Amino acid sequence: MGTFHDNLGALHGITVVVELTDGGVIVGRCHEATDEQVLLHDADVHHEADGELSRADYLKRAAQWGVFAKHKSLRVAGDQVTQITPLGQIEAN
């Protein structure tokens, strides 16, 4: 019988897009999301100014192919998060 994680929230184990107050986005597997913090595993961070892809193109590519995880675990303060969306809700094409 498996381990239950009811106390970690509805997004536990789901790959999500975390939108940040500075305009960046993080894509990763949600471990826990609370008002205080979001803890992600196997995550990638994208800031449009740093990369070749626009934010929209990055998210389309992530929805289609996933991301190259550059962070094994990543903790984001809750006051830096504007929205969390399951990656499956992002249009891939």
PDB file of N, CA and C in Angstrom:
ATOM      1  N   MET A   1       0.841  -1.170   0.000  1.00  0.00           N
ATOM      2  CA  MET A   1       0.000   0.000   0.000  1.00  0.00           C
ATOM      3  C   MET A   1       0.889   1.236   0.000  1.00  0.00           C
ATOM      4  N   GLY A   2       0.502   2.250  -0.759  1.00  0.00           N
ATOM      5  CA  GLY A   2       1.321   3.436  -0.927  1.00  0.00           C
ATOM      6  C   GLY A   2       1.230   4.400   0.246  1.00  0.00           C
ATOM      7  N   THR A   3       2.084   5.405   0.188  1.00  0.00           N
ATOM      8  CA  THR A   3       2.092   6.459   1.194  1.00  0.00           C
ATOM      9  C   THR A   3       1.093   7.526   0.771  1.00  0.00           C
ATOM     10  N   PHE A   4       0.349   8.036   1.717  1.00  0.00           N
ATOM     11  CA  PHE A   4      -0.633   9.069   1.417  1.00  0.00           C
ATOM     12  C   PHE A   4      -0.079  10.428   1.827  1.00  0.00           C
ATOM     13  N   HIS A   5      -0.330  11.410   0.998  1.00  0.00           N
ATOM     14  CA  HIS A   5       0.190  12.758   1.235  1.00  0.00           C
ATOM     15  C   HIS A   5      -0.949  13.768   1.245  1.00  0.00           C
ATOM     16  N   ASP A   6      -2.060  13.424   1.858  1.00  0.00           N
ATOM     17  CA  ASP A   6      -3.218  14.320   1.894  1.00  0.00           C
ATOM     18  C   ASP A   6      -2.889  15.668   2.516  1.00  0.00           C
ATOM     19  N   ASN A   7      -1.926  15.702   3.405  1.00  0.00           N
ATOM     20  CA  ASN A   7      -1.575  16.935   4.101  1.00  0.00           C
ATOM     21  C   ASN A   7      -0.729  17.879   3.245  1.00  0.00           C
ATOM     22  N   LEU A   8      -0.321  17.466   2.037  1.00  0.00           N
ATOM     23  CA  LEU A   8       0.552  18.295   1.192  1.00  0.00           C
ATOM     24  C   LEU A   8      -0.208  19.077   0.137  1.00  0.00           C
ATOM     25  N   GLY A   9      -1.511  18.946   0.049  1.00  0.00           N
ATOM     26  CA  GLY A   9      -2.322  19.757  -0.849  1.00  0.00           C
ATOM     27  C   GLY A   9      -2.639  19.073  -2.164  1.00  0.00           C
ATOM     28  N   ALA A  10      -3.578  19.671  -2.880  1.00  0.00           N
ATOM     29  CA  ALA A  10      -4.096  19.101  -4.128  1.00  0.00           C
ATOM     30  C   ALA A  10      -3.060  19.078  -5.253  1.00  0.00           C
ATOM     31  N   LEU A  11      -2.069  19.947  -5.205  1.00  0.00           N
ATOM     32  CA  LEU A  11      -1.077  20.016  -6.284  1.00  0.00           C
ATOM     33  C   LEU A  11       0.117  19.086  -6.063  1.00  0.00           C
ATOM     34  N   HIS A  12       0.155  18.382  -4.949  1.00  0.00           N
ATOM     35  CA  HIS A  12       1.276  17.498  -4.653  1.00  0.00           C
ATOM     36  C   HIS A  12       1.480  16.481  -5.786  1.00  0.00           C
ATOM     37  N   GLY A  13       2.694  16.445  -6.324  1.00  0.00           N
ATOM     38  CA  GLY A  13       3.039  15.492  -7.372  1.00  0.00           C
ATOM     39  C   GLY A  13       2.712  15.940  -8.778  1.00  0.00           C
ATOM     40  N   ILE A  14       2.092  17.100  -8.935  1.00  0.00           N
ATOM     41  CA  ILE A  14       1.695  17.608 -10.251  1.00  0.00           C
ATOM     42  C   ILE A  14       2.743  18.603 -10.746  1.00  0.00           C
ATOM     43  N   THR A  15       3.088  18.517 -12.028  1.00  0.00           N
ATOM     44  CA  THR A  15       3.995  19.500 -12.614  1.00  0.00           C
ATOM     45  C   THR A  15       3.217  20.792 -12.815  1.00  0.00           C
ATOM     46  N   VAL A  16       3.773  21.871 -12.290  1.00  0.00           N
ATOM     47  CA  VAL A  16       3.076  23.156 -12.281  1.00  0.00           C
ATOM     48  C   VAL A  16       3.951  24.273 -12.856  1.00  0.00           C
ATOM     49  N   VAL A  17       3.278  25.356 -13.214  1.00  0.00           N
ATOM     50  CA  VAL A  17       3.935  26.605 -13.592  1.00  0.00           C
ATOM     51  C   VAL A  17       3.702  27.578 -12.446  1.00  0.00           C
ATOM     52  N   VAL A  18       4.794  28.071 -11.876  1.00  0.00           N
ATOM     53  CA  VAL A  18       4.715  29.053 -10.796  1.00  0.00           C
ATOM     54  C   VAL A  18       5.108  30.404 -11.392  1.00  0.00           C
ATOM     55  N   GLU A  19       4.167  31.328 -11.409  1.00  0.00           N
ATOM     56  CA  GLU A  19       4.446  32.673 -11.918  1.00  0.00           C
ATOM     57  C   GLU A  19       4.944  33.528 -10.768  1.00  0.00           C
ATOM     58  N   LEU A  20       6.009  34.288 -11.050  1.00  0.00           N
ATOM     59  CA  LEU A  20       6.688  35.062 -10.022  1.00  0.00           C
ATOM     60  C   LEU A  20       6.403  36.556 -10.158  1.00  0.00           C
ATOM     61  N   THR A  21       6.547  37.265  -9.059  1.00  0.00           N
ATOM     62  CA  THR A  21       6.299  38.710  -9.047  1.00  0.00           C
ATOM     63  C   THR A  21       7.268  39.468  -9.945  1.00  0.00           C
ATOM     64  N   ASP A  22       8.445  38.912 -10.219  1.00  0.00           N
ATOM     65  CA  ASP A  22       9.419  39.596 -11.079  1.00  0.00           C
ATOM     66  C   ASP A  22       9.221  39.281 -12.565  1.00  0.00           C
ATOM     67  N   GLY A  23       8.146  38.568 -12.901  1.00  0.00           N
ATOM     68  CA  GLY A  23       7.851  38.242 -14.294  1.00  0.00           C
ATOM     69  C   GLY A  23       8.392  36.897 -14.744  1.00  0.00           C
ATOM     70  N   GLY A  24       9.208  36.252 -13.940  1.00  0.00           N
ATOM     71  CA  GLY A  24       9.744  34.945 -14.283  1.00  0.00           C
ATOM     72  C   GLY A  24       8.737  33.842 -14.017  1.00  0.00           C
ATOM     73  N   VAL A  25       9.077  32.653 -14.490  1.00  0.00           N
ATOM     74  CA  VAL A  25       8.250  31.477 -14.235  1.00  0.00           C
ATOM     75  C   VAL A  25       9.157  30.317 -13.848  1.00  0.00           C
ATOM     76  N   ILE A  26       8.603  29.426 -13.059  1.00  0.00           N
ATOM     77  CA  ILE A  26       9.287  28.202 -12.681  1.00  0.00           C
ATOM     78  C   ILE A  26       8.368  27.048 -13.055  1.00  0.00           C
ATOM     79  N   VAL A  27       8.930  26.028 -13.682  1.00  0.00           N
ATOM     80  CA  VAL A  27       8.185  24.812 -13.976  1.00  0.00           C
ATOM     81  C   VAL A  27       8.836  23.690 -13.188  1.00  0.00           C
ATOM     82  N   GLY A  28       8.035  22.988 -12.408  1.00  0.00           N
ATOM     83  CA  GLY A  28       8.564  21.894 -11.610  1.00  0.00           C
ATOM     84  C   GLY A  28       7.441  21.068 -11.001  1.00  0.00           C
ATOM     85  N   ARG A  29       7.834  19.965 -10.402  1.00  0.00           N
ATOM     86  CA  ARG A  29       6.869  19.071  -9.760  1.00  0.00           C
ATOM     87  C   ARG A  29       6.611  19.576  -8.350  1.00  0.00           C
ATOM     88  N   CYS A  30       5.366  19.897  -8.076  1.00  0.00           N
ATOM     89  CA  CYS A  30       4.987  20.484  -6.791  1.00  0.00           C
ATOM     90  C   CYS A  30       5.036  19.437  -5.691  1.00  0.00           C
ATOM     91  N   HIS A  31       5.773  19.745  -4.654  1.00  0.00           N
ATOM     92  CA  HIS A  31       5.746  18.909  -3.454  1.00  0.00           C
ATOM     93  C   HIS A  31       4.714  19.469  -2.484  1.00  0.00           C
ATOM     94  N   GLU A  32       4.773  20.788  -2.285  1.00  0.00           N
ATOM     95  CA  GLU A  32       3.845  21.434  -1.356  1.00  0.00           C
ATOM     96  C   GLU A  32       3.721  22.904  -1.716  1.00  0.00           C
ATOM     97  N   ALA A  33       2.499  23.426  -1.650  1.00  0.00           N
ATOM     98  CA  ALA A  33       2.244  24.845  -1.887  1.00  0.00           C
ATOM     99  C   ALA A  33       1.403  25.379  -0.739  1.00  0.00           C
ATOM    100  N   THR A  34       1.970  26.331  -0.011  1.00  0.00           N
ATOM    101  CA  THR A  34       1.259  26.990   1.079  1.00  0.00           C
ATOM    102  C   THR A  34       1.362  28.498   0.866  1.00  0.00           C
ATOM    103  N   ASP A  35       0.713  29.266   1.725  1.00  0.00           N
ATOM    104  CA  ASP A  35       0.840  30.725   1.641  1.00  0.00           C
ATOM    105  C   ASP A  35       2.272  31.175   1.920  1.00  0.00           C
ATOM    106  N   GLU A  36       3.002  30.404   2.702  1.00  0.00           N
ATOM    107  CA  GLU A  36       4.360  30.779   3.086  1.00  0.00           C
ATOM    108  C   GLU A  36       5.406  30.416   2.044  1.00  0.00           C
ATOM    109  N   GLN A  37       5.185  29.291   1.321  1.00  0.00           N
ATOM    110  CA  GLN A  37       6.211  28.842   0.376  1.00  0.00           C
ATOM    111  C   GLN A  37       5.654  27.827  -0.609  1.00  0.00           C
ATOM    112  N   VAL A  38       6.397  27.657  -1.685  1.00  0.00           N
ATOM    113  CA  VAL A  38       6.139  26.586  -2.643  1.00  0.00           C
ATOM    114  C   VAL A  38       7.427  25.780  -2.740  1.00  0.00           C
ATOM    115  N   LEU A  39       7.321  24.471  -2.582  1.00  0.00           N
ATOM    116  CA  LEU A  39       8.480  23.587  -2.693  1.00  0.00           C
ATOM    117  C   LEU A  39       8.299  22.740  -3.945  1.00  0.00           C
ATOM    118  N   LEU A  40       9.256  22.864  -4.864  1.00  0.00           N
ATOM    119  CA  LEU A  40       9.216  22.149  -6.144  1.00  0.00           C
ATOM    120  C   LEU A  40      10.405  21.212  -6.254  1.00  0.00           C
ATOM    121  N   HIS A  41      10.218  20.141  -7.000  1.00  0.00           N
ATOM    122  CA  HIS A  41      11.303  19.217  -7.318  1.00  0.00           C
ATOM    123  C   HIS A  41      11.482  19.190  -8.833  1.00  0.00           C
ATOM    124  N   ASP A  42      12.703  18.903  -9.278  1.00  0.00           N
ATOM    125  CA  ASP A  42      13.026  18.780 -10.706  1.00  0.00           C
ATOM    126  C   ASP A  42      12.515  19.993 -11.480  1.00  0.00           C
ATOM    127  N   ALA A  43      12.997  21.154 -11.083  1.00  0.00           N
ATOM    128  CA  ALA A  43      12.464  22.427 -11.574  1.00  0.00           C
ATOM    129  C   ALA A  43      13.431  23.158 -12.508  1.00  0.00           C
ATOM    130  N   ASP A  44      12.850  24.037 -13.318  1.00  0.00           N
ATOM    131  CA  ASP A  44      13.603  24.937 -14.181  1.00  0.00           C
ATOM    132  C   ASP A  44      13.028  26.336 -14.012  1.00  0.00           C
ATOM    133  N   VAL A  45      13.896  27.340 -14.048  1.00  0.00           N
ATOM    134  CA  VAL A  45      13.500  28.741 -13.901  1.00  0.00           C
ATOM    135  C   VAL A  45      13.708  29.444 -15.233  1.00  0.00           C
ATOM    136  N   HIS A  46      12.743  30.266 -15.635  1.00  0.00           N
ATOM    137  CA  HIS A  46      12.874  31.024 -16.876  1.00  0.00           C
ATOM    138  C   HIS A  46      12.542  32.491 -16.634  1.00  0.00           C
ATOM    139  N   HIS A  47      13.476  33.349 -17.035  1.00  0.00           N
ATOM    140  CA  HIS A  47      13.244  34.788 -17.088  1.00  0.00           C
ATOM    141  C   HIS A  47      13.464  35.193 -18.539  1.00  0.00           C
ATOM    142  N   GLU A  48      12.504  35.840 -19.110  1.00  0.00           N
ATOM    143  CA  GLU A  48      12.548  36.178 -20.535  1.00  0.00           C
ATOM    144  C   GLU A  48      13.833  36.932 -20.897  1.00  0.00           C
ATOM    145  N   ALA A  49      14.286  37.817 -20.046  1.00  0.00           N
ATOM    146  CA  ALA A  49      15.485  38.612 -20.332  1.00  0.00           C
ATOM    147  C   ALA A  49      16.748  37.752 -20.401  1.00  0.00           C
ATOM    148  N   ASP A  50      16.747  36.604 -19.744  1.00  0.00           N
ATOM    149  CA  ASP A  50      17.935  35.749 -19.686  1.00  0.00           C
ATOM    150  C   ASP A  50      18.041  34.761 -20.843  1.00  0.00           C
ATOM    151  N   GLY A  51      16.932  34.507 -21.520  1.00  0.00           N
ATOM    152  CA  GLY A  51      16.934  33.433 -22.501  1.00  0.00           C
ATOM    153  C   GLY A  51      16.584  33.867 -23.902  1.00  0.00           C
ATOM    154  N   GLU A  52      16.672  32.915 -24.785  1.00  0.00           N
ATOM    155  CA  GLU A  52      16.342  33.154 -26.182  1.00  0.00           C
ATOM    156  C   GLU A  52      14.837  33.120 -26.412  1.00  0.00           C
ATOM    157  N   LEU A  53      14.125  32.376 -25.580  1.00  0.00           N
ATOM    158  CA  LEU A  53      12.697  32.188 -25.772  1.00  0.00           C
ATOM    159  C   LEU A  53      11.881  33.215 -24.999  1.00  0.00           C
ATOM    160  N   SER A  54      10.770  33.626 -25.606  1.00  0.00           N
ATOM    161  CA  SER A  54       9.824  34.460 -24.876  1.00  0.00           C
ATOM    162  C   SER A  54       9.168  33.589 -23.809  1.00  0.00           C
ATOM    163  N   ARG A  55       8.534  34.215 -22.876  1.00  0.00           N
ATOM    164  CA  ARG A  55       7.830  33.476 -21.820  1.00  0.00           C
ATOM    165  C   ARG A  55       6.776  32.547 -22.423  1.00  0.00           C
ATOM    166  N   ALA A  56       6.008  33.066 -23.375  1.00  0.00           N
ATOM    167  CA  ALA A  56       4.953  32.267 -24.016  1.00  0.00           C
ATOM    168  C   ALA A  56       5.546  31.063 -24.744  1.00  0.00           C
ATOM    169  N   ASP A  57       6.635  31.257 -25.482  1.00  0.00           N
ATOM    170  CA  ASP A  57       7.264  30.149 -26.208  1.00  0.00           C
ATOM    171  C   ASP A  57       7.875  29.134 -25.245  1.00  0.00           C
ATOM    172  N   TYR A  58       8.464  29.613 -24.159  1.00  0.00           N
ATOM    173  CA  TYR A  58       9.029  28.715 -23.149  1.00  0.00           C
ATOM    174  C   TYR A  58       7.935  27.820 -22.571  1.00  0.00           C
ATOM    175  N   LEU A  59       6.802  28.416 -22.229  1.00  0.00           N
ATOM    176  CA  LEU A  59       5.716  27.633 -21.638  1.00  0.00           C
ATOM    177  C   LEU A  59       5.098  26.668 -22.642  1.00  0.00           C
ATOM    178  N   LYS A  60       5.002  27.070 -23.893  1.00  0.00           N
ATOM    179  CA  LYS A  60       4.495  26.153 -24.927  1.00  0.00           C
ATOM    180  C   LYS A  60       5.427  24.951 -25.068  1.00  0.00           C
ATOM    181  N   ARG A  61       6.724  25.222 -25.104  1.00  0.00           N
ATOM    182  CA  ARG A  61       7.704  24.135 -25.221  1.00  0.00           C
ATOM    183  C   ARG A  61       7.668  23.242 -23.980  1.00  0.00           C
ATOM    184  N   ALA A  62       7.549  23.845 -22.805  1.00  0.00           N
ATOM    185  CA  ALA A  62       7.475  23.063 -21.571  1.00  0.00           C
ATOM    186  C   ALA A  62       6.227  22.185 -21.556  1.00  0.00           C
ATOM    187  N   ALA A  63       5.117  22.711 -22.039  1.00  0.00           N
ATOM    188  CA  ALA A  63       3.872  21.935 -22.079  1.00  0.00           C
ATOM    189  C   ALA A  63       3.980  20.762 -23.049  1.00  0.00           C
ATOM    190  N   GLN A  64       4.737  20.964 -24.123  1.00  0.00           N
ATOM    191  CA  GLN A  64       4.865  19.912 -25.132  1.00  0.00           C
ATOM    192  C   GLN A  64       5.914  18.872 -24.752  1.00  0.00           C
ATOM    193  N   TRP A  65       7.071  19.304 -24.256  1.00  0.00           N
ATOM    194  CA  TRP A  65       8.208  18.413 -24.058  1.00  0.00           C
ATOM    195  C   TRP A  65       8.686  18.286 -22.615  1.00  0.00           C
ATOM    196  N   GLY A  66       8.184  19.126 -21.717  1.00  0.00           N
ATOM    197  CA  GLY A  66       8.700  19.160 -20.354  1.00  0.00           C
ATOM    198  C   GLY A  66       9.904  20.097 -20.282  1.00  0.00           C
ATOM    199  N   VAL A  67      10.607  20.084 -19.168  1.00  0.00           N
ATOM    200  CA  VAL A  67      11.763  20.969 -18.988  1.00  0.00           C
ATOM    201  C   VAL A  67      12.978  20.156 -18.573  1.00  0.00           C
ATOM    202  N   PHE A  68      14.148  20.729 -18.816  1.00  0.00           N
ATOM    203  CA  PHE A  68      15.396  20.170 -18.318  1.00  0.00           C
ATOM    204  C   PHE A  68      15.554  20.669 -16.879  1.00  0.00           C
ATOM    205  N   ALA A  69      15.464  19.783 -15.929  1.00  0.00           N
ATOM    206  CA  ALA A  69      15.505  20.172 -14.516  1.00  0.00           C
ATOM    207  C   ALA A  69      16.900  20.638 -14.133  1.00  0.00           C
ATOM    208  N   LYS A  70      17.014  21.901 -13.799  1.00  0.00           N
ATOM    209  CA  LYS A  70      18.285  22.461 -13.370  1.00  0.00           C
ATOM    210  C   LYS A  70      18.383  22.551 -11.849  1.00  0.00           C
ATOM    211  N   HIS A  71      17.251  22.319 -11.173  1.00  0.00           N
ATOM    212  CA  HIS A  71      17.213  22.366  -9.714  1.00  0.00           C
ATOM    213  C   HIS A  71      16.532  21.100  -9.207  1.00  0.00           C
ATOM    214  N   LYS A  72      17.248  20.313  -8.420  1.00  0.00           N
ATOM    215  CA  LYS A  72      16.664  19.092  -7.831  1.00  0.00           C
ATOM    216  C   LYS A  72      15.492  19.454  -6.930  1.00  0.00           C
ATOM    217  N   SER A  73      15.682  20.461  -6.089  1.00  0.00           N
ATOM    218  CA  SER A  73      14.627  21.008  -5.233  1.00  0.00           C
ATOM    219  C   SER A  73      14.763  22.519  -5.221  1.00  0.00           C
ATOM    220  N   LEU A  74      13.628  23.189  -5.189  1.00  0.00           N
ATOM    221  CA  LEU A  74      13.633  24.654  -5.212  1.00  0.00           C
ATOM    222  C   LEU A  74      12.508  25.151  -4.319  1.00  0.00           C
ATOM    223  N   ARG A  75      12.860  26.000  -3.382  1.00  0.00           N
ATOM    224  CA  ARG A  75      11.893  26.569  -2.445  1.00  0.00           C
ATOM    225  C   ARG A  75      11.690  28.041  -2.819  1.00  0.00           C
ATOM    226  N   VAL A  76      10.417  28.439  -2.997  1.00  0.00           N
ATOM    227  CA  VAL A  76      10.085  29.804  -3.385  1.00  0.00           C
ATOM    228  C   VAL A  76       9.211  30.412  -2.294  1.00  0.00           C
ATOM    229  N   ALA A  77       9.583  31.593  -1.825  1.00  0.00           N
ATOM    230  CA  ALA A  77       8.783  32.270  -0.799  1.00  0.00           C
ATOM    231  C   ALA A  77       7.407  32.605  -1.365  1.00  0.00           C
ATOM    232  N   GLY A  78       6.392  32.443  -0.551  1.00  0.00           N
ATOM    233  CA  GLY A  78       5.019  32.682  -0.980  1.00  0.00           C
ATOM    234  C   GLY A  78       4.770  34.096  -1.479  1.00  0.00           C
ATOM    235  N   ASP A  79       5.481  35.080  -0.928  1.00  0.00           N
ATOM    236  CA  ASP A  79       5.260  36.462  -1.373  1.00  0.00           C
ATOM    237  C   ASP A  79       5.883  36.752  -2.738  1.00  0.00           C
ATOM    238  N   GLN A  80       6.619  35.793  -3.311  1.00  0.00           N
ATOM    239  CA  GLN A  80       7.174  35.937  -4.659  1.00  0.00           C
ATOM    240  C   GLN A  80       6.290  35.282  -5.716  1.00  0.00           C
ATOM    241  N   VAL A  81       5.235  34.604  -5.285  1.00  0.00           N
ATOM    242  CA  VAL A  81       4.372  33.841  -6.186  1.00  0.00           C
ATOM    243  C   VAL A  81       3.098  34.619  -6.474  1.00  0.00           C
ATOM    244  N   THR A  82       2.760  34.749  -7.763  1.00  0.00           N
ATOM    245  CA  THR A  82       1.499  35.403  -8.128  1.00  0.00           C
ATOM    246  C   THR A  82       0.434  34.397  -8.525  1.00  0.00           C
ATOM    247  N   GLN A  83       0.857  33.247  -9.071  1.00  0.00           N
ATOM    248  CA  GLN A  83      -0.112  32.248  -9.515  1.00  0.00           C
ATOM    249  C   GLN A  83       0.577  30.901  -9.689  1.00  0.00           C
ATOM    250  N   ILE A  84      -0.188  29.831  -9.470  1.00  0.00           N
ATOM    251  CA  ILE A  84       0.283  28.468  -9.722  1.00  0.00           C
ATOM    252  C   ILE A  84      -0.753  27.791 -10.607  1.00  0.00           C
ATOM    253  N   THR A  85      -0.278  27.236 -11.743  1.00  0.00           N
ATOM    254  CA  THR A  85      -1.153  26.584 -12.707  1.00  0.00           C
ATOM    255  C   THR A  85      -0.577  25.230 -13.063  1.00  0.00           C
ATOM    256  N   PRO A  86      -1.384  24.180 -13.081  1.00  0.00           N
ATOM    257  CA  PRO A  86      -0.876  22.901 -13.567  1.00  0.00           C
ATOM    258  C   PRO A  86      -0.385  23.031 -15.006  1.00  0.00           C
ATOM    259  N   LEU A  87       0.781  22.466 -15.289  1.00  0.00           N
ATOM    260  CA  LEU A  87       1.348  22.556 -16.641  1.00  0.00           C
ATOM    261  C   LEU A  87       0.403  21.992 -17.686  1.00  0.00           C
ATOM    262  N   GLY A  88      -0.371  20.988 -17.313  1.00  0.00           N
ATOM    263  CA  GLY A  88      -1.330  20.392 -18.245  1.00  0.00           C
ATOM    264  C   GLY A  88      -2.402  21.340 -18.733  1.00  0.00           C
ATOM    265  N   GLN A  89      -2.570  22.480 -18.079  1.00  0.00           N
ATOM    266  CA  GLN A  89      -3.550  23.465 -18.510  1.00  0.00           C
ATOM    267  C   GLN A  89      -2.965  24.487 -19.490  1.00  0.00           C
ATOM    268  N   ILE A  90      -1.666  24.377 -19.767  1.00  0.00           N
ATOM    269  CA  ILE A  90      -0.999  25.284 -20.706  1.00  0.00           C
ATOM    270  C   ILE A  90      -1.116  24.693 -22.110  1.00  0.00           C
ATOM    271  N   GLU A  91      -1.482  25.508 -23.058  1.00  0.00           N
ATOM    272  CA  GLU A  91      -1.644  25.085 -24.455  1.00  0.00           C
ATOM    273  C   GLU A  91      -0.272  24.777 -25.061  1.00  0.00           C
ATOM    274  N   ALA A  92      -0.096  23.573 -25.596  1.00  0.00           N
ATOM    275  CA  ALA A  92       1.192  23.137 -26.118  1.00  0.00           C
ATOM    276  C   ALA A  92       1.452  23.595 -27.551  1.00  0.00           C
ATOM    277  N   ASN A  93       0.449  23.986 -28.296  1.00  0.00           N
ATOM    278  CA  ASN A  93       0.696  24.427 -29.680  1.00  0.00           C
ATOM    279  C   ASN A  93       0.045  25.721 -29.995  1.00  0.00           C
TER     280      ASN A  93
END
